[in-house]
């Protein structure tokens, strides 16, 4: 008889825990998500915002000067076809 009473009480307690978890866990997760979202928004706003329409260039590669070869004057020509 004691074993049946123990099993019945254990099953009732587990059932109650399950019902309470079904009610409370969604609320807790929603609060956690709202808090995380607020922290992310706060971090984003703390960064140095660049003004609208401005471009910030962090790195600009050095300009490579091409060597101009002085090969003389170039003359345009037309090709003449012989019949």
PDB file of N, CA and C in Angstrom:
ATOM      1  N   UNK A   1       0.818  -1.190   0.000  1.00  0.00           N
ATOM      2  CA  UNK A   1       0.000   0.000   0.000  1.00  0.00           C
ATOM      3  C   UNK A   1       0.870   1.267   0.000  1.00  0.00           C
ATOM      4  N   UNK A   2       1.989   1.215   0.704  1.00  0.00           N
ATOM      5  CA  UNK A   2       2.880   2.364   0.781  1.00  0.00           C
ATOM      6  C   UNK A   2       3.505   2.693  -0.570  1.00  0.00           C
ATOM      7  N   UNK A   3       3.777   1.645  -1.348  1.00  0.00           N
ATOM      8  CA  UNK A   3       4.377   1.851  -2.678  1.00  0.00           C
ATOM      9  C   UNK A   3       3.406   2.552  -3.610  1.00  0.00           C
ATOM     10  N   UNK A   4       2.117   2.166  -3.564  1.00  0.00           N
ATOM     11  CA  UNK A   4       1.112   2.803  -4.424  1.00  0.00           C
ATOM     12  C   UNK A   4       0.933   4.278  -4.039  1.00  0.00           C
ATOM     13  N   UNK A   5       0.942   4.565  -2.748  1.00  0.00           N
ATOM     14  CA  UNK A   5       0.799   5.945  -2.290  1.00  0.00           C
ATOM     15  C   UNK A   5       1.992   6.785  -2.753  1.00  0.00           C
ATOM     16  N   UNK A   6       3.206   6.215  -2.655  1.00  0.00           N
ATOM     17  CA  UNK A   6       4.418   6.900  -3.107  1.00  0.00           C
ATOM     18  C   UNK A   6       4.354   7.182  -4.602  1.00  0.00           C
ATOM     19  N   UNK A   7       3.956   6.187  -5.415  1.00  0.00           N
ATOM     20  CA  UNK A   7       3.858   6.375  -6.863  1.00  0.00           C
ATOM     21  C   UNK A   7       2.813   7.425  -7.208  1.00  0.00           C
ATOM     22  N   UNK A   8       1.663   7.395  -6.515  1.00  0.00           N
ATOM     23  CA  UNK A   8       0.604   8.356  -6.790  1.00  0.00           C
ATOM     24  C   UNK A   8       1.064   9.782  -6.487  1.00  0.00           C
ATOM     25  N   UNK A   9       1.718   9.987  -5.352  1.00  0.00           N
ATOM     26  CA  UNK A   9       2.202  11.315  -4.971  1.00  0.00           C
ATOM     27  C   UNK A   9       3.279  11.772  -5.942  1.00  0.00           C
ATOM     28  N   UNK A  10       4.181  10.896  -6.326  1.00  0.00           N
ATOM     29  CA  UNK A  10       5.251  11.241  -7.266  1.00  0.00           C
ATOM     30  C   UNK A  10       4.683  11.647  -8.621  1.00  0.00           C
ATOM     31  N   UNK A  11       3.706  10.885  -9.111  1.00  0.00           N
ATOM     32  CA  UNK A  11       3.087  11.198 -10.402  1.00  0.00           C
ATOM     33  C   UNK A  11       2.353  12.541 -10.324  1.00  0.00           C
ATOM     34  N   UNK A  12       1.659  12.802  -9.214  1.00  0.00           N
ATOM     35  CA  UNK A  12       0.948  14.077  -9.060  1.00  0.00           C
ATOM     36  C   UNK A  12       1.933  15.251  -9.022  1.00  0.00           C
ATOM     37  N   UNK A  13       3.032  15.090  -8.314  1.00  0.00           N
ATOM     38  CA  UNK A  13       4.030  16.169  -8.237  1.00  0.00           C
ATOM     39  C   UNK A  13       4.650  16.421  -9.607  1.00  0.00           C
ATOM     40  N   UNK A  14       4.995  15.380 -10.324  1.00  0.00           N
ATOM     41  CA  UNK A  14       5.571  15.556 -11.662  1.00  0.00           C
ATOM     42  C   UNK A  14       4.577  16.202 -12.611  1.00  0.00           C
ATOM     43  N   UNK A  15       3.293  15.829 -12.499  1.00  0.00           N
ATOM     44  CA  UNK A  15       2.262  16.423 -13.346  1.00  0.00           C
ATOM     45  C   UNK A  15       2.116  17.916 -13.042  1.00  0.00           C
ATOM     46  N   UNK A  16       2.150  18.284 -11.762  1.00  0.00           N
ATOM     47  CA  UNK A  16       2.056  19.690 -11.373  1.00  0.00           C
ATOM     48  C   UNK A  16       3.260  20.491 -11.881  1.00  0.00           C
ATOM     49  N   UNK A  17       4.446  19.922 -11.767  1.00  0.00           N
ATOM     50  CA  UNK A  17       5.653  20.591 -12.271  1.00  0.00           C
ATOM     51  C   UNK A  17       5.540  20.809 -13.773  1.00  0.00           C
ATOM     52  N   UNK A  18       5.023  19.820 -14.475  1.00  0.00           N
ATOM     53  CA  UNK A  18       4.872  19.935 -15.930  1.00  0.00           C
ATOM     54  C   UNK A  18       3.886  21.046 -16.287  1.00  0.00           C
ATOM     55  N   UNK A  19       2.765  21.131 -15.577  1.00  0.00           N
ATOM     56  CA  UNK A  19       1.769  22.174 -15.857  1.00  0.00           C
ATOM     57  C   UNK A  19       2.321  23.570 -15.541  1.00  0.00           C
ATOM     58  N   UNK A  20       3.020  23.688 -14.440  1.00  0.00           N
ATOM     59  CA  UNK A  20       3.604  24.976 -14.077  1.00  0.00           C
ATOM     60  C   UNK A  20       4.656  25.386 -15.098  1.00  0.00           C
ATOM     61  N   UNK A  21       5.461  24.426 -15.543  1.00  0.00           N
ATOM     62  CA  UNK A  21       6.491  24.727 -16.543  1.00  0.00           C
ATOM     63  C   UNK A  21       5.852  25.181 -17.852  1.00  0.00           C
ATOM     64  N   UNK A  22       4.742  24.574 -18.240  1.00  0.00           N
ATOM     65  CA  UNK A  22       4.059  24.977 -19.466  1.00  0.00           C
ATOM     66  C   UNK A  22       3.558  26.412 -19.385  1.00  0.00           C
ATOM     67  N   UNK A  23       3.190  26.836 -18.197  1.00  0.00           N
ATOM     68  CA  UNK A  23       2.678  28.195 -18.032  1.00  0.00           C
ATOM     69  C   UNK A  23       3.792  29.227 -17.874  1.00  0.00           C
ATOM     70  N   UNK A  24       4.838  28.874 -17.153  1.00  0.00           N
ATOM     71  CA  UNK A  24       5.866  29.863 -16.813  1.00  0.00           C
ATOM     72  C   UNK A  24       7.010  29.958 -17.817  1.00  0.00           C
ATOM     73  N   UNK A  25       7.392  28.865 -18.432  1.00  0.00           N
ATOM     74  CA  UNK A  25       8.553  28.899 -19.332  1.00  0.00           C
ATOM     75  C   UNK A  25       8.386  29.848 -20.518  1.00  0.00           C
ATOM     76  N   UNK A  26       7.235  29.874 -21.192  1.00  0.00           N
ATOM     77  CA  UNK A  26       7.112  30.857 -22.289  1.00  0.00           C
ATOM     78  C   UNK A  26       7.264  32.301 -21.822  1.00  0.00           C
ATOM     79  N   UNK A  27       6.742  32.612 -20.652  1.00  0.00           N
ATOM     80  CA  UNK A  27       6.867  33.976 -20.124  1.00  0.00           C
ATOM     81  C   UNK A  27       8.335  34.282 -19.816  1.00  0.00           C
ATOM     82  N   UNK A  28       9.030  33.335 -19.204  1.00  0.00           N
ATOM     83  CA  UNK A  28      10.441  33.543 -18.877  1.00  0.00           C
ATOM     84  C   UNK A  28      11.286  33.697 -20.138  1.00  0.00           C
ATOM     85  N   UNK A  29      11.036  32.861 -21.139  1.00  0.00           N
ATOM     86  CA  UNK A  29      11.789  32.971 -22.393  1.00  0.00           C
ATOM     87  C   UNK A  29      11.508  34.300 -23.084  1.00  0.00           C
ATOM     88  N   UNK A  30      10.267  34.759 -23.037  1.00  0.00           N
ATOM     89  CA  UNK A  30       9.933  36.045 -23.653  1.00  0.00           C
ATOM     90  C   UNK A  30      10.672  37.178 -22.962  1.00  0.00           C
ATOM     91  N   UNK A  31      10.739  37.141 -21.637  1.00  0.00           N
ATOM     92  CA  UNK A  31      11.471  38.176 -20.904  1.00  0.00           C
ATOM     93  C   UNK A  31      12.960  38.133 -21.231  1.00  0.00           C
ATOM     94  N   UNK A  32      13.523  36.924 -21.333  1.00  0.00           N
ATOM     95  CA  UNK A  32      14.941  36.800 -21.670  1.00  0.00           C
ATOM     96  C   UNK A  32      15.218  37.343 -23.067  1.00  0.00           C
ATOM     97  N   UNK A  33      14.329  37.035 -24.016  1.00  0.00           N
ATOM     98  CA  UNK A  33      14.524  37.507 -25.386  1.00  0.00           C
ATOM     99  C   UNK A  33      14.413  39.032 -25.454  1.00  0.00           C
ATOM    100  N   UNK A  34      13.467  39.599 -24.725  1.00  0.00           N
ATOM    101  CA  UNK A  34      13.313  41.051 -24.712  1.00  0.00           C
ATOM    102  C   UNK A  34      14.545  41.711 -24.111  1.00  0.00           C
ATOM    103  N   UNK A  35      15.059  41.136 -23.038  1.00  0.00           N
ATOM    104  CA  UNK A  35      16.247  41.693 -22.395  1.00  0.00           C
ATOM    105  C   UNK A  35      17.462  41.617 -23.320  1.00  0.00           C
ATOM    106  N   UNK A  36      17.654  40.476 -23.983  1.00  0.00           N
ATOM    107  CA  UNK A  36      18.785  40.321 -24.907  1.00  0.00           C
ATOM    108  C   UNK A  36      18.655  41.285 -26.083  1.00  0.00           C
ATOM    109  N   UNK A  37      17.429  41.469 -26.563  1.00  0.00           N
ATOM    110  CA  UNK A  37      17.214  42.375 -27.687  1.00  0.00           C
ATOM    111  C   UNK A  37      17.512  43.822 -27.275  1.00  0.00           C
ATOM    112  N   UNK A  38      17.107  44.199 -26.090  1.00  0.00           N
ATOM    113  CA  UNK A  38      17.383  45.551 -25.604  1.00  0.00           C
ATOM    114  C   UNK A  38      18.882  45.784 -25.436  1.00  0.00           C
ATOM    115  N   UNK A  39      19.599  44.783 -24.934  1.00  0.00           N
ATOM    116  CA  UNK A  39      21.050  44.917 -24.785  1.00  0.00           C
ATOM    117  C   UNK A  39      21.726  45.050 -26.140  1.00  0.00           C
ATOM    118  N   UNK A  40      21.268  44.269 -27.123  1.00  0.00           N
ATOM    119  CA  UNK A  40      21.857  44.350 -28.460  1.00  0.00           C
ATOM    120  C   UNK A  40      21.592  45.717 -29.075  1.00  0.00           C
ATOM    121  N   UNK A  41      20.386  46.236 -28.911  1.00  0.00           N
ATOM    122  CA  UNK A  41      20.071  47.568 -29.441  1.00  0.00           C
ATOM    123  C   UNK A  41      20.907  48.639 -28.756  1.00  0.00           C
ATOM    124  N   UNK A  42      21.111  48.487 -27.464  1.00  0.00           N
ATOM    125  CA  UNK A  42      21.895  49.467 -26.720  1.00  0.00           C
ATOM    126  C   UNK A  42      23.349  49.461 -27.185  1.00  0.00           C
ATOM    127  N   UNK A  43      23.908  48.273 -27.404  1.00  0.00           N
ATOM    128  CA  UNK A  43      25.287  48.182 -27.899  1.00  0.00           C
ATOM    129  C   UNK A  43      25.406  48.797 -29.284  1.00  0.00           C
ATOM    130  N   UNK A  44      24.414  48.552 -30.115  1.00  0.00           N
ATOM    131  CA  UNK A  44      24.453  49.086 -31.478  1.00  0.00           C
ATOM    132  C   UNK A  44      24.402  50.609 -31.461  1.00  0.00           C
ATOM    133  N   UNK A  45      23.588  51.170 -30.587  1.00  0.00           N
ATOM    134  CA  UNK A  45      23.457  52.613 -30.528  1.00  0.00           C
ATOM    135  C   UNK A  45      24.684  53.268 -29.912  1.00  0.00           C
ATOM    136  N   UNK A  46      25.437  52.545 -29.086  1.00  0.00           N
ATOM    137  CA  UNK A  46      26.631  53.105 -28.465  1.00  0.00           C
ATOM    138  C   UNK A  46      27.796  53.229 -29.438  1.00  0.00           C
ATOM    139  N   UNK A  47      27.771  52.478 -30.519  1.00  0.00           N
ATOM    140  CA  UNK A  47      28.850  52.560 -31.495  1.00  0.00           C
ATOM    141  C   UNK A  47      28.826  53.938 -32.140  1.00  0.00           C
ATOM    142  N   UNK A  48      29.972  54.344 -32.684  1.00  0.00           N
ATOM    143  CA  UNK A  48      30.051  55.647 -33.331  1.00  0.00           C
ATOM    144  C   UNK A  48      29.250  55.607 -34.625  1.00  0.00           C
ATOM    145  N   UNK A  49      28.096  56.222 -34.636  1.00  0.00           N
ATOM    146  CA  UNK A  49      27.305  56.189 -35.869  1.00  0.00           C
ATOM    147  C   UNK A  49      27.886  57.155 -36.896  1.00  0.00           C
ATOM    148  N   UNK A  50      27.944  56.739 -38.134  1.00  0.00           N
ATOM    149  CA  UNK A  50      28.403  57.627 -39.198  1.00  0.00           C
ATOM    150  C   UNK A  50      27.198  58.398 -39.712  1.00  0.00           C
ATOM    151  N   UNK A  51      27.359  59.672 -40.000  1.00  0.00           N
ATOM    152  CA  UNK A  51      26.225  60.464 -40.482  1.00  0.00           C
ATOM    153  C   UNK A  51      25.683  59.895 -41.790  1.00  0.00           C
ATOM    154  N   UNK A  52      24.414  60.100 -42.005  1.00  0.00           N
ATOM    155  CA  UNK A  52      23.758  59.612 -43.213  1.00  0.00           C
ATOM    156  C   UNK A  52      24.357  60.289 -44.437  1.00  0.00           C
ATOM    157  N   UNK A  53      24.689  59.526 -45.452  1.00  0.00           N
ATOM    158  CA  UNK A  53      25.219  60.079 -46.688  1.00  0.00           C
ATOM    159  C   UNK A  53      26.724  60.251 -46.695  1.00  0.00           C
ATOM    160  N   UNK A  54      27.388  59.882 -45.624  1.00  0.00           N
ATOM    161  CA  UNK A  54      28.846  59.996 -45.563  1.00  0.00           C
ATOM    162  C   UNK A  54      29.454  58.610 -45.695  1.00  0.00           C
ATOM    163  N   UNK A  55      30.617  58.555 -46.287  1.00  0.00           N
ATOM    164  CA  UNK A  55      31.336  57.297 -46.438  1.00  0.00           C
ATOM    165  C   UNK A  55      32.641  57.403 -45.668  1.00  0.00           C
ATOM    166  N   UNK A  56      32.909  56.406 -44.873  1.00  0.00           N
ATOM    167  CA  UNK A  56      34.148  56.392 -44.104  1.00  0.00           C
ATOM    168  C   UNK A  56      35.096  55.383 -44.751  1.00  0.00           C
ATOM    169  N   UNK A  57      36.282  55.845 -45.140  1.00  0.00           N
ATOM    170  CA  UNK A  57      37.277  54.987 -45.770  1.00  0.00           C
ATOM    171  C   UNK A  57      38.361  54.704 -44.743  1.00  0.00           C
ATOM    172  N   UNK A  58      38.511  53.429 -44.388  1.00  0.00           N
ATOM    173  CA  UNK A  58      39.515  53.047 -43.398  1.00  0.00           C
ATOM    174  C   UNK A  58      40.897  52.889 -44.022  1.00  0.00           C
ATOM    175  N   UNK A  59      40.959  52.343 -45.224  1.00  0.00           N
ATOM    176  CA  UNK A  59      42.248  52.049 -45.847  1.00  0.00           C
ATOM    177  C   UNK A  59      42.183  52.456 -47.304  1.00  0.00           C
ATOM    178  N   UNK A  60      43.206  53.139 -47.755  1.00  0.00           N
ATOM    179  CA  UNK A  60      43.291  53.525 -49.146  1.00  0.00           C
ATOM    180  C   UNK A  60      44.635  53.044 -49.669  1.00  0.00           C
ATOM    181  N   UNK A  61      44.643  52.146 -50.636  1.00  0.00           N
ATOM    182  CA  UNK A  61      45.915  51.612 -51.119  1.00  0.00           C
ATOM    183  C   UNK A  61      46.745  52.709 -51.785  1.00  0.00           C
ATOM    184  N   UNK A  62      48.058  52.593 -51.677  1.00  0.00           N
ATOM    185  CA  UNK A  62      48.912  53.617 -52.297  1.00  0.00           C
ATOM    186  C   UNK A  62      48.801  53.554 -53.814  1.00  0.00           C
ATOM    187  N   UNK A  63      48.874  54.720 -54.423  1.00  0.00           N
ATOM    188  CA  UNK A  63      48.783  54.779 -55.878  1.00  0.00           C
ATOM    189  C   UNK A  63      50.112  54.344 -56.483  1.00  0.00           C
ATOM    190  N   UNK A  64      50.037  53.445 -57.428  1.00  0.00           N
ATOM    191  CA  UNK A  64      51.230  52.951 -58.094  1.00  0.00           C
ATOM    192  C   UNK A  64      51.412  53.757 -59.382  1.00  0.00           C
ATOM    193  N   UNK A  65      52.553  54.388 -59.478  1.00  0.00           N
ATOM    194  CA  UNK A  65      52.832  55.167 -60.686  1.00  0.00           C
ATOM    195  C   UNK A  65      53.353  54.220 -61.756  1.00  0.00           C
ATOM    196  N   UNK A  66      52.673  54.227 -62.868  1.00  0.00           N
ATOM    197  CA  UNK A  66      53.123  53.356 -63.954  1.00  0.00           C
ATOM    198  C   UNK A  66      54.268  54.046 -64.697  1.00  0.00           C
ATOM    199  N   UNK A  67      55.214  53.236 -65.094  1.00  0.00           N
ATOM    200  CA  UNK A  67      56.359  53.775 -65.821  1.00  0.00           C
ATOM    201  C   UNK A  67      55.951  53.994 -67.274  1.00  0.00           C
ATOM    202  N   UNK A  68      56.135  55.209 -67.729  1.00  0.00           N
ATOM    203  CA  UNK A  68      55.798  55.537 -69.112  1.00  0.00           C
ATOM    204  C   UNK A  68      57.047  55.283 -69.957  1.00  0.00           C
ATOM    205  N   UNK A  69      56.883  54.400 -70.892  1.00  0.00           N
ATOM    206  CA  UNK A  69      57.998  54.094 -71.781  1.00  0.00           C
ATOM    207  C   UNK A  69      57.957  55.080 -72.943  1.00  0.00           C
ATOM    208  N   UNK A  70      59.046  55.782 -73.122  1.00  0.00           N
ATOM    209  CA  UNK A  70      59.120  56.753 -74.211  1.00  0.00           C
ATOM    210  C   UNK A  70      59.653  56.026 -75.438  1.00  0.00           C
ATOM    211  N   UNK A  71      58.713  55.510 -76.238  1.00  0.00           N
ATOM    212  CA  UNK A  71      59.109  54.745 -77.412  1.00  0.00           C
ATOM    213  C   UNK A  71      59.070  55.587 -78.677  1.00  0.00           C
ATOM    214  N   UNK A  72      58.772  56.823 -78.530  1.00  0.00           N
ATOM    215  CA  UNK A  72      58.739  57.675 -79.714  1.00  0.00           C
ATOM    216  C   UNK A  72      57.308  58.076 -80.030  1.00  0.00           C
ATOM    217  N   UNK A  73      57.147  58.697 -81.184  1.00  0.00           N
ATOM    218  CA  UNK A  73      55.823  59.150 -81.594  1.00  0.00           C
ATOM    219  C   UNK A  73      55.110  58.026 -82.319  1.00  0.00           C
ATOM    220  N   UNK A  74      53.831  57.941 -82.068  1.00  0.00           N
ATOM    221  CA  UNK A  74      53.009  56.954 -82.765  1.00  0.00           C
ATOM    222  C   UNK A  74      52.211  57.676 -83.827  1.00  0.00           C
ATOM    223  N   UNK A  75      52.135  57.047 -84.990  1.00  0.00           N
ATOM    224  CA  UNK A  75      51.446  57.662 -86.132  1.00  0.00           C
ATOM    225  C   UNK A  75      50.243  56.798 -86.469  1.00  0.00           C
ATOM    226  N   UNK A  76      49.066  57.449 -86.597  1.00  0.00           N
ATOM    227  CA  UNK A  76      47.887  56.711 -87.032  1.00  0.00           C
ATOM    228  C   UNK A  76      48.050  56.397 -88.503  1.00  0.00           C
ATOM    229  N   UNK A  77      47.565  55.258 -88.898  1.00  0.00           N
ATOM    230  CA  UNK A  77      47.659  54.879 -90.292  1.00  0.00           C
ATOM    231  C   UNK A  77      46.370  54.226 -90.711  1.00  0.00           C
ATOM    232  N   UNK A  78      46.135  54.244 -91.988  1.00  0.00           N
ATOM    233  CA  UNK A  78      45.000  53.561 -92.569  1.00  0.00           C
ATOM    234  C   UNK A  78      45.518  52.451 -93.450  1.00  0.00           C
ATOM    235  N   UNK A  79      44.846  51.329 -93.388  1.00  0.00           N
ATOM    236  CA  UNK A  79      45.287  50.200 -94.204  1.00  0.00           C
ATOM    237  C   UNK A  79      44.687  50.361 -95.598  1.00  0.00           C
ATOM    238  N   UNK A  80      45.523  50.230 -96.562  1.00  0.00           N
ATOM    239  CA  UNK A  80      45.093  50.375 -97.956  1.00  0.00           C
ATOM    240  C   UNK A  80      45.091  49.004 -98.582  1.00  0.00           C
ATOM    241  N   UNK A  81      43.926  48.639 -99.091  1.00  0.00           N
ATOM    242  CA  UNK A  81      43.805  47.323 -99.724  1.00  0.00           C
ATOM    243  C   UNK A  81      44.071  47.477-101.225  1.00  0.00           C
ATOM    244  N   UNK A  82      44.893  46.584-101.728  1.00  0.00           N
ATOM    245  CA  UNK A  82      45.186  46.609-103.148  1.00  0.00           C
ATOM    246  C   UNK A  82      44.282  45.603-103.839  1.00  0.00           C
ATOM    247  N   UNK A  83      43.764  45.993-105.015  1.00  0.00           N
ATOM    248  CA  UNK A  83      42.857  45.065-105.735  1.00  0.00           C
ATOM    249  C   UNK A  83      43.561  43.913-106.383  1.00  0.00           C
TER     250      UNK A  83
END
